[in-house]
C-alpha atoms as a PDB file:
ATOM      1  CA  MET A   1      88.109  78.984 128.308  1.00  0.00           C
ATOM      2  CA  THR A   2      89.164  74.689 127.723  1.00  0.00           C
ATOM      3  CA  THR A   3      86.321  72.188 126.546  1.00  0.00           C
ATOM      4  CA  ILE A   4      86.531  68.569 128.312  1.00  0.00           C
ATOM      5  CA  SER A   5      85.033  65.839 128.285  1.00  0.00           C
ATOM      6  CA  VAL A   6      83.500  62.866 130.772  1.00  0.00           C
ATOM      7  CA  ASP A   7      82.047  60.276 130.990  1.00  0.00           C
ATOM      8  CA  HIS A   8      80.728  58.640 134.124  1.00  0.00           C
ATOM      9  CA  ALA A   9      77.143  56.246 134.294  1.00  0.00           C
ATOM     10  CA  LYS A  10      73.456  57.277 135.565  1.00  0.00           C
ATOM     11  CA  PRO A  11      73.953  60.377 133.749  1.00  0.00           C
ATOM     12  CA  ARG A  12      70.234  62.807 135.111  1.00  0.00           C
ATOM     13  CA  PHE A  13      70.608  64.961 132.357  1.00  0.00           C
ATOM     14  CA  SER A  14      72.608  65.963 128.708  1.00  0.00           C
ATOM     15  CA  LEU A  15      75.617  68.271 129.499  1.00  0.00           C
ATOM     16  CA  GLY A  16      76.484  69.671 126.445  1.00  0.00           C
ATOM     17  CA  ARG A  17      79.700  70.941 125.841  1.00  0.00           C
ATOM     18  CA  LEU A  18      81.803  71.727 129.001  1.00  0.00           C
ATOM     19  CA  PHE A  19      84.014  74.486 128.986  1.00  0.00           C
ATOM     20  CA  ILE A  20      86.994  75.213 132.209  1.00  0.00           C
ATOM     21  CA  THR A  21      87.266  78.899 132.930  1.00  0.00           C
ATOM     22  CA  PRO A  22      91.654  79.273 132.997  1.00  0.00           C
ATOM     23  CA  GLY A  23      91.280  80.081 137.357  1.00  0.00           C
ATOM     24  CA  ALA A  24      88.904  76.566 137.488  1.00  0.00           C
ATOM     25  CA  GLN A  25      91.373  75.011 136.015  1.00  0.00           C
ATOM     26  CA  ALA A  26      94.335  76.319 137.662  1.00  0.00           C
ATOM     27  CA  ALA A  27      92.297  76.037 141.201  1.00  0.00           C
ATOM     28  CA  PHE A  28      91.554  72.191 141.124  1.00  0.00           C
ATOM     29  CA  SER A  29      92.871  68.703 139.793  1.00  0.00           C
ATOM     30  CA  SER A  30      91.214  66.761 136.715  1.00  0.00           C
ATOM     31  CA  GLU A  31      90.590  64.399 139.412  1.00  0.00           C
ATOM     32  CA  GLU A  32      88.419  66.987 141.736  1.00  0.00           C
ATOM     33  CA  VAL A  33      86.946  68.489 138.366  1.00  0.00           C
ATOM     34  CA  PHE A  34      85.932  64.880 137.057  1.00  0.00           C
ATOM     35  CA  SER A  35      84.300  64.008 140.456  1.00  0.00           C
ATOM     36  CA  ALA A  36      82.359  67.546 140.282  1.00  0.00           C
ATOM     37  CA  VAL A  37      81.174  67.189 137.158  1.00  0.00           C
ATOM     38  CA  ALA A  38      79.924  63.040 137.723  1.00  0.00           C
ATOM     39  CA  ARG A  39      78.611  64.431 140.825  1.00  0.00           C
ATOM     40  CA  HIS A  40      76.711  67.280 139.329  1.00  0.00           C
ATOM     41  CA  ARG A  41      75.578  64.696 136.366  1.00  0.00           C
ATOM     42  CA  GLN A  42      73.967  62.407 138.212  1.00  0.00           C
ATOM     43  CA  GLY A  43      72.218  65.026 140.695  1.00  0.00           C
ATOM     44  CA  ASP A  44      74.609  65.911 143.335  1.00  0.00           C
ATOM     45  CA  TRP A  45      74.193  69.261 143.671  1.00  0.00           C
ATOM     46  CA  GLY A  46      77.013  69.405 146.679  1.00  0.00           C
ATOM     47  CA  THR A  47      77.059  72.045 149.061  1.00  0.00           C
ATOM     48  CA  LEU A  48      73.983  74.329 148.107  1.00  0.00           C
ATOM     49  CA  CYS A  49      71.055  74.735 150.170  1.00  0.00           C
ATOM     50  CA  LYS A  50      67.820  72.817 150.241  1.00  0.00           C
ATOM     51  CA  GLU A  51      65.812  75.651 148.247  1.00  0.00           C
ATOM     52  CA  ASP A  52      68.826  75.718 145.722  1.00  0.00           C
ATOM     53  CA  CYS A  53      68.340  72.264 145.265  1.00  0.00           C
ATOM     54  CA  ARG A  54      64.767  72.108 145.210  1.00  0.00           C
ATOM     55  CA  ARG A  55      64.964  74.611 142.382  1.00  0.00           C
ATOM     56  CA  ASN A  56      67.160  72.536 140.659  1.00  0.00           C
ATOM     57  CA  ASN A  57      65.293  69.145 141.103  1.00  0.00           C
ATOM     58  CA  SER A  58      62.733  71.205 139.278  1.00  0.00           C
ATOM     59  CA  ALA A  59      64.580  72.719 136.581  1.00  0.00           C
ATOM     60  CA  LEU A  60      65.601  68.692 136.163  1.00  0.00           C
ATOM     61  CA  ARG A  61      61.337  67.880 135.405  1.00  0.00           C
ATOM     62  CA  ASN A  62      60.689  71.415 133.593  1.00  0.00           C
ATOM     63  CA  GLY A  63      63.747  72.393 132.079  1.00  0.00           C
ATOM     64  CA  GLY A  64      65.761  75.575 133.529  1.00  0.00           C
ATOM     65  CA  ARG A  65      69.539  76.340 134.737  1.00  0.00           C
ATOM     66  CA  LEU A  66      71.171  73.652 136.825  1.00  0.00           C
ATOM     67  CA  LEU A  67      74.074  75.205 140.027  1.00  0.00           C
ATOM     68  CA  SER A  68      75.945  72.937 141.671  1.00  0.00           C
ATOM     69  CA  THR A  69      78.668  73.811 144.082  1.00  0.00           C
ATOM     70  CA  TYR A  70      81.200  71.850 145.627  1.00  0.00           C
ATOM     71  CA  GLN A  71      84.332  72.341 148.323  1.00  0.00           C
ATOM     72  CA  TYR A  72      87.865  71.245 147.514  1.00  0.00           C
ATOM     73  CA  HIS A  73      90.843  72.730 149.768  1.00  0.00           C
ATOM     74  CA  GLU A  74      88.841  75.760 151.217  1.00  0.00           C
ATOM     75  CA  GLU A  75      88.123  76.759 147.138  1.00  0.00           C
ATOM     76  CA  THR A  76      84.705  76.454 146.144  1.00  0.00           C
ATOM     77  CA  LEU A  77      83.770  75.134 142.737  1.00  0.00           C
ATOM     78  CA  TRP A  78      80.576  75.987 140.597  1.00  0.00           C
ATOM     79  CA  ILE A  79      79.214  73.862 137.686  1.00  0.00           C
ATOM     80  CA  ILE A  80      76.535  75.581 135.687  1.00  0.00           C
ATOM     81  CA  THR A  81      74.601  73.510 132.664  1.00  0.00           C
ATOM     82  CA  GLU A  82      72.232  75.869 130.931  1.00  0.00           C
ATOM     83  CA  ALA A  83      68.545  75.679 130.707  1.00  0.00           C
ATOM     84  CA  ASP A  84      68.305  73.829 127.080  1.00  0.00           C
ATOM     85  CA  ARG A  85      71.370  71.758 127.915  1.00  0.00           C
ATOM     86  CA  SER A  86      73.451  73.048 125.893  1.00  0.00           C
ATOM     87  CA  ALA A  87      76.646  73.807 127.541  1.00  0.00           C
ATOM     88  CA  THR A  88      78.073  73.484 131.075  1.00  0.00           C
ATOM     89  CA  THR A  89      80.294  75.765 132.437  1.00  0.00           C
ATOM     90  CA  ILE A  90      82.768  74.980 135.474  1.00  0.00           C
ATOM     91  CA  LEU A  91      84.333  77.683 137.271  1.00  0.00           C
ATOM     92  CA  LEU A  92      85.135  79.682 140.501  1.00  0.00           C
ATOM     93  CA  PRO A  93      82.338  81.799 141.666  1.00  0.00           C
ATOM     94  CA  HIS A  94      84.216  85.447 141.374  1.00  0.00           C
ATOM     95  CA  GLU A  95      84.373  84.029 137.648  1.00  0.00           C
ATOM     96  CA  TYR A  96      80.009  84.149 137.309  1.00  0.00           C
END
């Protein structure tokens, strides 16, 4: 797993330490990863269903894990921020 850094405006929460799995690093360009992380950090949960979006919004207020999912060239990218906001991991679904 590789550590990366992202710096974009208007974060809604702390990402903690950022990690990316080898599979996600191989499947997506740096630009795609940076874009997805920026969206995640701003509360754009990507292609999650409405119920999962509600769970994320509740987790922002009450604490809890945050999950976003994005599609690039028919591949799915997941981003998970831990409930304590100590770490965020970028991964492929099958790497979970």
